[in-house]
PDB file of N, CA and C in Angstrom:
ATOM      1  N   UNK A   1      -0.350  52.632 -14.282  1.00  0.00           N
ATOM      2  CA  UNK A   1      -0.740  53.305 -15.678  1.00  0.00           C
ATOM      3  C   UNK A   1      -1.810  53.054 -16.124  1.00  0.00           C
ATOM      4  N   UNK A   2      -2.677  53.808 -16.425  1.00  0.00           N
ATOM      5  CA  UNK A   2      -4.237  53.548 -16.644  1.00  0.00           C
ATOM      6  C   UNK A   2      -4.338  53.654 -18.132  1.00  0.00           C
ATOM      7  N   UNK A   3      -4.899  52.890 -18.536  1.00  0.00           N
ATOM      8  CA  UNK A   3      -5.363  52.927 -20.401  1.00  0.00           C
ATOM      9  C   UNK A   3      -6.924  53.410 -20.719  1.00  0.00           C
ATOM     10  N   UNK A   4      -6.927  54.332 -21.559  1.00  0.00           N
ATOM     11  CA  UNK A   4      -8.612  54.934 -21.289  1.00  0.00           C
ATOM     12  C   UNK A   4      -8.917  54.136 -22.535  1.00  0.00           C
ATOM     13  N   UNK A   5      -8.365  53.764 -23.453  1.00  0.00           N
ATOM     14  CA  UNK A   5      -8.964  53.412 -24.589  1.00  0.00           C
ATOM     15  C   UNK A   5      -8.181  51.708 -24.818  1.00  0.00           C
ATOM     16  N   UNK A   6      -9.273  50.437 -24.550  1.00  0.00           N
ATOM     17  CA  UNK A   6      -8.846  49.500 -25.264  1.00  0.00           C
ATOM     18  C   UNK A   6      -9.250  49.047 -26.823  1.00  0.00           C
ATOM     19  N   UNK A   7      -8.572  47.978 -27.349  1.00  0.00           N
ATOM     20  CA  UNK A   7      -8.912  47.718 -28.810  1.00  0.00           C
ATOM     21  C   UNK A   7      -9.888  47.065 -28.868  1.00  0.00           C
ATOM     22  N   UNK A   8     -10.590  47.172 -29.817  1.00  0.00           N
ATOM     23  CA  UNK A   8     -11.704  46.344 -30.201  1.00  0.00           C
ATOM     24  C   UNK A   8     -11.338  45.410 -31.266  1.00  0.00           C
ATOM     25  N   UNK A   9     -12.387  44.754 -32.051  1.00  0.00           N
ATOM     26  CA  UNK A   9     -12.387  43.788 -32.836  1.00  0.00           C
ATOM     27  C   UNK A   9     -12.493  44.670 -34.068  1.00  0.00           C
ATOM     28  N   UNK A  10     -12.407  43.840 -35.965  1.00  0.00           N
ATOM     29  CA  UNK A  10     -12.923  44.615 -36.659  1.00  0.00           C
ATOM     30  C   UNK A  10     -13.927  44.970 -37.314  1.00  0.00           C
ATOM     31  N   UNK A  11     -14.878  43.690 -36.495  1.00  0.00           N
ATOM     32  CA  UNK A  11     -16.403  44.217 -36.957  1.00  0.00           C
ATOM     33  C   UNK A  11     -17.151  44.750 -35.388  1.00  0.00           C
ATOM     34  N   UNK A  12     -16.925  43.673 -34.211  1.00  0.00           N
ATOM     35  CA  UNK A  12     -17.019  43.974 -33.153  1.00  0.00           C
ATOM     36  C   UNK A  12     -16.896  45.005 -32.069  1.00  0.00           C
ATOM     37  N   UNK A  13     -17.397  45.881 -31.132  1.00  0.00           N
ATOM     38  CA  UNK A  13     -17.102  46.550 -30.293  1.00  0.00           C
ATOM     39  C   UNK A  13     -16.872  45.732 -29.465  1.00  0.00           C
ATOM     40  N   UNK A  14     -16.232  46.288 -28.341  1.00  0.00           N
ATOM     41  CA  UNK A  14     -15.383  45.649 -26.895  1.00  0.00           C
ATOM     42  C   UNK A  14     -16.728  45.806 -26.112  1.00  0.00           C
ATOM     43  N   UNK A  15     -17.230  44.617 -25.619  1.00  0.00           N
ATOM     44  CA  UNK A  15     -18.284  44.806 -25.033  1.00  0.00           C
ATOM     45  C   UNK A  15     -18.144  45.433 -23.372  1.00  0.00           C
ATOM     46  N   UNK A  16     -18.760  45.606 -22.779  1.00  0.00           N
ATOM     47  CA  UNK A  16     -18.748  46.312 -21.483  1.00  0.00           C
ATOM     48  C   UNK A  16     -18.211  45.024 -20.475  1.00  0.00           C
ATOM     49  N   UNK A  17     -18.644  44.167 -20.379  1.00  0.00           N
ATOM     50  CA  UNK A  17     -18.189  42.775 -19.494  1.00  0.00           C
ATOM     51  C   UNK A  17     -16.818  42.343 -20.075  1.00  0.00           C
ATOM     52  N   UNK A  18     -16.709  42.526 -21.072  1.00  0.00           N
ATOM     53  CA  UNK A  18     -15.131  42.046 -21.333  1.00  0.00           C
ATOM     54  C   UNK A  18     -13.894  43.134 -21.146  1.00  0.00           C
ATOM     55  N   UNK A  19     -14.516  44.089 -21.197  1.00  0.00           N
ATOM     56  CA  UNK A  19     -13.663  45.526 -20.795  1.00  0.00           C
ATOM     57  C   UNK A  19     -13.406  45.699 -19.191  1.00  0.00           C
ATOM     58  N   UNK A  20     -14.706  45.486 -18.244  1.00  0.00           N
ATOM     59  CA  UNK A  20     -14.185  44.897 -16.857  1.00  0.00           C
ATOM     60  C   UNK A  20     -13.106  44.101 -16.487  1.00  0.00           C
ATOM     61  N   UNK A  21     -13.391  43.237 -17.297  1.00  0.00           N
ATOM     62  CA  UNK A  21     -12.566  41.674 -16.876  1.00  0.00           C
ATOM     63  C   UNK A  21     -11.154  42.192 -17.591  1.00  0.00           C
ATOM     64  N   UNK A  22     -11.038  42.822 -18.578  1.00  0.00           N
ATOM     65  CA  UNK A  22      -9.212  43.220 -18.594  1.00  0.00           C
ATOM     66  C   UNK A  22      -9.041  43.947 -18.442  1.00  0.00           C
ATOM     67  N   UNK A  23      -9.437  45.237 -17.794  1.00  0.00           N
ATOM     68  CA  UNK A  23      -9.174  46.352 -17.193  1.00  0.00           C
ATOM     69  C   UNK A  23      -8.447  46.001 -15.799  1.00  0.00           C
ATOM     70  N   UNK A  24      -9.217  44.559 -15.420  1.00  0.00           N
ATOM     71  CA  UNK A  24      -8.804  44.475 -13.589  1.00  0.00           C
ATOM     72  C   UNK A  24      -7.412  43.449 -13.615  1.00  0.00           C
ATOM     73  N   UNK A  25      -7.157  42.969 -15.052  1.00  0.00           N
ATOM     74  CA  UNK A  25      -6.251  42.070 -15.146  1.00  0.00           C
ATOM     75  C   UNK A  25      -5.134  42.289 -16.034  1.00  0.00           C
ATOM     76  N   UNK A  26      -4.021  43.103 -15.669  1.00  0.00           N
ATOM     77  CA  UNK A  26      -2.979  43.529 -16.556  1.00  0.00           C
ATOM     78  C   UNK A  26      -2.461  42.461 -17.349  1.00  0.00           C
ATOM     79  N   UNK A  27      -2.123  41.270 -16.796  1.00  0.00           N
ATOM     80  CA  UNK A  27      -1.776  40.011 -17.929  1.00  0.00           C
ATOM     81  C   UNK A  27      -2.444  40.324 -19.054  1.00  0.00           C
ATOM     82  N   UNK A  28      -3.744  39.908 -18.708  1.00  0.00           N
ATOM     83  CA  UNK A  28      -4.676  39.598 -19.603  1.00  0.00           C
ATOM     84  C   UNK A  28      -5.147  40.728 -20.435  1.00  0.00           C
ATOM     85  N   UNK A  29      -4.947  42.071 -20.073  1.00  0.00           N
ATOM     86  CA  UNK A  29      -4.932  42.999 -21.153  1.00  0.00           C
ATOM     87  C   UNK A  29      -3.857  43.195 -21.953  1.00  0.00           C
ATOM     88  N   UNK A  30      -2.879  42.972 -21.542  1.00  0.00           N
ATOM     89  CA  UNK A  30      -1.623  43.015 -22.662  1.00  0.00           C
ATOM     90  C   UNK A  30      -1.452  42.185 -23.302  1.00  0.00           C
ATOM     91  N   UNK A  31      -2.099  40.863 -23.289  1.00  0.00           N
ATOM     92  CA  UNK A  31      -2.089  40.189 -24.187  1.00  0.00           C
ATOM     93  C   UNK A  31      -3.115  40.595 -24.794  1.00  0.00           C
ATOM     94  N   UNK A  32      -4.045  40.971 -24.806  1.00  0.00           N
ATOM     95  CA  UNK A  32      -5.407  41.067 -25.336  1.00  0.00           C
ATOM     96  C   UNK A  32      -4.893  42.528 -26.533  1.00  0.00           C
ATOM     97  N   UNK A  33      -3.894  43.366 -25.986  1.00  0.00           N
ATOM     98  CA  UNK A  33      -3.602  44.074 -27.053  1.00  0.00           C
ATOM     99  C   UNK A  33      -2.145  43.702 -27.793  1.00  0.00           C
ATOM    100  N   UNK A  34      -2.009  42.278 -27.422  1.00  0.00           N
ATOM    101  CA  UNK A  34      -0.847  42.058 -28.078  1.00  0.00           C
ATOM    102  C   UNK A  34      -1.415  41.194 -29.375  1.00  0.00           C
ATOM    103  N   UNK A  35      -2.604  40.603 -29.592  1.00  0.00           N
ATOM    104  CA  UNK A  35      -3.106  39.696 -30.629  1.00  0.00           C
ATOM    105  C   UNK A  35      -3.755  41.382 -31.511  1.00  0.00           C
ATOM    106  N   UNK A  36      -4.057  40.478 -32.661  1.00  0.00           N
ATOM    107  CA  UNK A  36      -4.294  41.206 -33.860  1.00  0.00           C
ATOM    108  C   UNK A  36      -5.981  41.485 -34.011  1.00  0.00           C
ATOM    109  N   UNK A  37      -6.483  42.668 -34.249  1.00  0.00           N
ATOM    110  CA  UNK A  37      -7.679  43.233 -34.551  1.00  0.00           C
ATOM    111  C   UNK A  37      -8.785  41.539 -34.839  1.00  0.00           C
ATOM    112  N   UNK A  38      -8.222  41.048 -35.815  1.00  0.00           N
ATOM    113  CA  UNK A  38      -8.935  39.998 -36.111  1.00  0.00           C
ATOM    114  C   UNK A  38      -9.640  39.127 -35.389  1.00  0.00           C
ATOM    115  N   UNK A  39      -8.318  38.577 -34.425  1.00  0.00           N
ATOM    116  CA  UNK A  39      -7.884  37.573 -33.327  1.00  0.00           C
ATOM    117  C   UNK A  39      -9.408  38.388 -32.014  1.00  0.00           C
ATOM    118  N   UNK A  40      -8.923  39.661 -32.020  1.00  0.00           N
ATOM    119  CA  UNK A  40      -9.720  40.190 -30.839  1.00  0.00           C
ATOM    120  C   UNK A  40     -11.375  40.362 -31.416  1.00  0.00           C
ATOM    121  N   UNK A  41     -11.559  40.341 -32.465  1.00  0.00           N
ATOM    122  CA  UNK A  41     -12.859  39.926 -33.110  1.00  0.00           C
ATOM    123  C   UNK A  41     -13.280  38.708 -33.001  1.00  0.00           C
ATOM    124  N   UNK A  42     -12.910  37.793 -33.431  1.00  0.00           N
ATOM    125  CA  UNK A  42     -13.203  36.375 -32.832  1.00  0.00           C
ATOM    126  C   UNK A  42     -13.524  36.098 -31.479  1.00  0.00           C
ATOM    127  N   UNK A  43     -12.495  36.799 -30.597  1.00  0.00           N
ATOM    128  CA  UNK A  43     -13.002  36.278 -28.678  1.00  0.00           C
ATOM    129  C   UNK A  43     -14.370  37.095 -28.761  1.00  0.00           C
ATOM    130  N   UNK A  44     -14.313  38.482 -28.836  1.00  0.00           N
ATOM    131  CA  UNK A  44     -15.634  39.123 -29.041  1.00  0.00           C
ATOM    132  C   UNK A  44     -16.933  38.684 -29.482  1.00  0.00           C
ATOM    133  N   UNK A  45     -17.051  38.029 -30.638  1.00  0.00           N
ATOM    134  CA  UNK A  45     -17.722  37.539 -31.439  1.00  0.00           C
ATOM    135  C   UNK A  45     -18.388  35.766 -30.937  1.00  0.00           C
ATOM    136  N   UNK A  46     -17.139  35.316 -30.039  1.00  0.00           N
ATOM    137  CA  UNK A  46     -17.433  33.991 -29.197  1.00  0.00           C
ATOM    138  C   UNK A  46     -18.384  34.446 -28.246  1.00  0.00           C
ATOM    139  N   UNK A  47     -18.177  35.485 -27.452  1.00  0.00           N
ATOM    140  CA  UNK A  47     -18.481  35.798 -25.994  1.00  0.00           C
ATOM    141  C   UNK A  47     -20.319  36.177 -26.631  1.00  0.00           C
ATOM    142  N   UNK A  48     -20.278  36.783 -27.535  1.00  0.00           N
ATOM    143  CA  UNK A  48     -21.518  37.377 -28.404  1.00  0.00           C
ATOM    144  C   UNK A  48     -22.503  36.433 -28.613  1.00  0.00           C
ATOM    145  N   UNK A  49     -21.859  35.242 -29.316  1.00  0.00           N
ATOM    146  CA  UNK A  49     -22.720  34.805 -29.857  1.00  0.00           C
ATOM    147  C   UNK A  49     -23.503  33.331 -28.958  1.00  0.00           C
ATOM    148  N   UNK A  50     -23.216  33.433 -27.592  1.00  0.00           N
ATOM    149  CA  UNK A  50     -24.315  33.028 -26.522  1.00  0.00           C
ATOM    150  C   UNK A  50     -25.473  33.240 -26.633  1.00  0.00           C
ATOM    151  N   UNK A  51     -26.205  32.225 -26.128  1.00  0.00           N
ATOM    152  CA  UNK A  51     -27.889  32.639 -25.636  1.00  0.00           C
ATOM    153  C   UNK A  51     -28.245  32.951 -23.905  1.00  0.00           C
ATOM    154  N   UNK A  52     -27.308  31.876 -23.469  1.00  0.00           N
ATOM    155  CA  UNK A  52     -27.449  32.005 -21.841  1.00  0.00           C
ATOM    156  C   UNK A  52     -26.718  33.149 -21.289  1.00  0.00           C
ATOM    157  N   UNK A  53     -27.094  34.194 -20.212  1.00  0.00           N
ATOM    158  CA  UNK A  53     -26.283  34.765 -19.480  1.00  0.00           C
ATOM    159  C   UNK A  53     -25.290  34.136 -18.750  1.00  0.00           C
ATOM    160  N   UNK A  54     -25.348  32.721 -18.288  1.00  0.00           N
ATOM    161  CA  UNK A  54     -24.412  32.255 -17.349  1.00  0.00           C
ATOM    162  C   UNK A  54     -23.044  31.657 -18.452  1.00  0.00           C
ATOM    163  N   UNK A  55     -23.579  31.182 -19.844  1.00  0.00           N
ATOM    164  CA  UNK A  55     -22.519  30.498 -20.549  1.00  0.00           C
ATOM    165  C   UNK A  55     -21.823  32.004 -21.147  1.00  0.00           C
ATOM    166  N   UNK A  56     -22.355  33.158 -21.082  1.00  0.00           N
ATOM    167  CA  UNK A  56     -21.422  34.280 -21.750  1.00  0.00           C
ATOM    168  C   UNK A  56     -20.490  34.810 -20.651  1.00  0.00           C
ATOM    169  N   UNK A  57     -21.261  34.681 -19.169  1.00  0.00           N
ATOM    170  CA  UNK A  57     -20.198  34.902 -18.444  1.00  0.00           C
ATOM    171  C   UNK A  57     -19.067  33.849 -18.298  1.00  0.00           C
ATOM    172  N   UNK A  58     -19.099  32.602 -18.368  1.00  0.00           N
ATOM    173  CA  UNK A  58     -18.240  31.819 -18.791  1.00  0.00           C
ATOM    174  C   UNK A  58     -16.923  31.930 -20.105  1.00  0.00           C
ATOM    175  N   UNK A  59     -17.639  32.398 -20.810  1.00  0.00           N
ATOM    176  CA  UNK A  59     -16.811  32.555 -21.638  1.00  0.00           C
ATOM    177  C   UNK A  59     -16.031  34.246 -21.717  1.00  0.00           C
ATOM    178  N   UNK A  60     -16.492  35.071 -20.974  1.00  0.00           N
ATOM    179  CA  UNK A  60     -15.913  36.057 -20.771  1.00  0.00           C
ATOM    180  C   UNK A  60     -14.789  35.960 -19.850  1.00  0.00           C
ATOM    181  N   UNK A  61     -14.899  34.694 -18.822  1.00  0.00           N
ATOM    182  CA  UNK A  61     -13.905  34.591 -17.998  1.00  0.00           C
ATOM    183  C   UNK A  61     -12.960  33.452 -18.348  1.00  0.00           C
ATOM    184  N   UNK A  62     -13.355  33.092 -19.268  1.00  0.00           N
ATOM    185  CA  UNK A  62     -12.377  31.564 -20.453  1.00  0.00           C
ATOM    186  C   UNK A  62     -11.705  32.423 -21.344  1.00  0.00           C
ATOM    187  N   UNK A  63     -11.953  33.861 -21.628  1.00  0.00           N
ATOM    188  CA  UNK A  63     -11.262  34.515 -22.830  1.00  0.00           C
ATOM    189  C   UNK A  63     -10.073  35.056 -21.737  1.00  0.00           C
ATOM    190  N   UNK A  64     -10.192  35.678 -20.832  1.00  0.00           N
ATOM    191  CA  UNK A  64      -9.375  35.946 -19.754  1.00  0.00           C
ATOM    192  C   UNK A  64      -8.311  35.149 -19.570  1.00  0.00           C
ATOM    193  N   UNK A  65      -8.467  33.878 -19.131  1.00  0.00           N
ATOM    194  CA  UNK A  65      -7.687  32.490 -18.697  1.00  0.00           C
ATOM    195  C   UNK A  65      -6.914  32.409 -19.666  1.00  0.00           C
ATOM    196  N   UNK A  66      -7.831  31.802 -20.970  1.00  0.00           N
ATOM    197  CA  UNK A  66      -7.079  31.471 -21.996  1.00  0.00           C
ATOM    198  C   UNK A  66      -5.870  32.551 -22.602  1.00  0.00           C
ATOM    199  N   UNK A  67      -6.324  34.252 -22.792  1.00  0.00           N
ATOM    200  CA  UNK A  67      -5.184  35.186 -22.952  1.00  0.00           C
ATOM    201  C   UNK A  67      -3.648  35.128 -21.908  1.00  0.00           C
ATOM    202  N   UNK A  68      -4.308  34.684 -20.828  1.00  0.00           N
ATOM    203  CA  UNK A  68      -3.036  34.463 -20.105  1.00  0.00           C
ATOM    204  C   UNK A  68      -2.500  33.494 -20.141  1.00  0.00           C
ATOM    205  N   UNK A  69      -2.763  32.403 -21.023  1.00  0.00           N
ATOM    206  CA  UNK A  69      -2.036  30.943 -21.109  1.00  0.00           C
ATOM    207  C   UNK A  69      -1.450  31.271 -22.418  1.00  0.00           C
ATOM    208  N   UNK A  70      -1.928  32.115 -22.939  1.00  0.00           N
ATOM    209  CA  UNK A  70      -0.674  32.777 -24.391  1.00  0.00           C
ATOM    210  C   UNK A  70      -1.696  32.360 -25.692  1.00  0.00           C
ATOM    211  N   UNK A  71      -3.284  32.004 -25.401  1.00  0.00           N
ATOM    212  CA  UNK A  71      -3.750  31.452 -26.517  1.00  0.00           C
ATOM    213  C   UNK A  71      -4.478  33.041 -27.029  1.00  0.00           C
ATOM    214  N   UNK A  72      -4.236  32.766 -28.830  1.00  0.00           N
ATOM    215  CA  UNK A  72      -4.443  33.867 -28.902  1.00  0.00           C
ATOM    216  C   UNK A  72      -6.043  33.972 -30.252  1.00  0.00           C
ATOM    217  N   UNK A  73      -6.902  32.671 -30.015  1.00  0.00           N
ATOM    218  CA  UNK A  73      -8.096  33.047 -30.611  1.00  0.00           C
ATOM    219  C   UNK A  73      -8.648  31.843 -29.743  1.00  0.00           C
ATOM    220  N   UNK A  74      -9.852  31.751 -29.655  1.00  0.00           N
ATOM    221  CA  UNK A  74     -11.171  30.465 -29.298  1.00  0.00           C
ATOM    222  C   UNK A  74     -10.822  29.576 -29.659  1.00  0.00           C
ATOM    223  N   UNK A  75     -10.611  28.656 -29.088  1.00  0.00           N
ATOM    224  CA  UNK A  75     -10.582  27.186 -29.736  1.00  0.00           C
ATOM    225  C   UNK A  75     -11.939  26.579 -29.841  1.00  0.00           C
ATOM    226  N   UNK A  76     -11.769  25.672 -30.799  1.00  0.00           N
ATOM    227  CA  UNK A  76     -13.087  25.292 -31.625  1.00  0.00           C
ATOM    228  C   UNK A  76     -14.481  25.498 -31.808  1.00  0.00           C
ATOM    229  N   UNK A  77     -14.170  26.375 -32.593  1.00  0.00           N
ATOM    230  CA  UNK A  77     -15.244  27.747 -32.757  1.00  0.00           C
ATOM    231  C   UNK A  77     -14.986  28.000 -34.001  1.00  0.00           C
ATOM    232  N   UNK A  78     -16.361  28.006 -34.798  1.00  0.00           N
ATOM    233  CA  UNK A  78     -16.222  28.270 -36.462  1.00  0.00           C
ATOM    234  C   UNK A  78     -15.823  29.704 -36.681  1.00  0.00           C
ATOM    235  N   UNK A  79     -15.848  30.340 -35.818  1.00  0.00           N
ATOM    236  CA  UNK A  79     -14.742  31.966 -36.063  1.00  0.00           C
ATOM    237  C   UNK A  79     -16.235  32.790 -36.499  1.00  0.00           C
ATOM    238  N   UNK A  80     -16.212  34.140 -36.821  1.00  0.00           N
ATOM    239  CA  UNK A  80     -16.921  35.145 -36.778  1.00  0.00           C
ATOM    240  C   UNK A  80     -17.826  35.007 -37.901  1.00  0.00           C
ATOM    241  N   UNK A  81     -19.035  34.944 -38.130  1.00  0.00           N
ATOM    242  CA  UNK A  81     -20.370  34.911 -38.778  1.00  0.00           C
ATOM    243  C   UNK A  81     -20.588  36.284 -39.689  1.00  0.00           C
ATOM    244  N   UNK A  82     -19.978  37.099 -38.528  1.00  0.00           N
ATOM    245  CA  UNK A  82     -19.993  38.855 -39.362  1.00  0.00           C
ATOM    246  C   UNK A  82     -19.157  39.188 -39.997  1.00  0.00           C
ATOM    247  N   UNK A  83     -17.856  38.565 -40.354  1.00  0.00           N
ATOM    248  CA  UNK A  83     -17.037  38.985 -40.720  1.00  0.00           C
ATOM    249  C   UNK A  83     -16.837  38.592 -42.516  1.00  0.00           C
ATOM    250  N   UNK A  84     -16.878  39.630 -43.642  1.00  0.00           N
ATOM    251  CA  UNK A  84     -16.982  39.246 -44.883  1.00  0.00           C
ATOM    252  C   UNK A  84     -15.595  39.226 -45.099  1.00  0.00           C
ATOM    253  N   UNK A  85     -15.004  37.735 -46.141  1.00  0.00           N
ATOM    254  CA  UNK A  85     -13.677  37.852 -46.966  1.00  0.00           C
ATOM    255  C   UNK A  85     -13.395  38.330 -47.786  1.00  0.00           C
TER     256      UNK A  85
END
């Protein structure tokens, strides 16, 4: 079963590099769809907040592996600064 639409965050849209990684890993994609929109937003912002391409690639891969381990949000990060409470 191929899924056309993958859920995004509350503020951030799903970036192409993360979309590619999630669609290639069924378990990670299921975990992604199971977390809240706010949690997805945190992951996306965490990925997009870095300056170096190498670090971004590491964050994308860590998102995949952490989701598979059952983590629902990035650890040790202040959170999305773009979200207004």
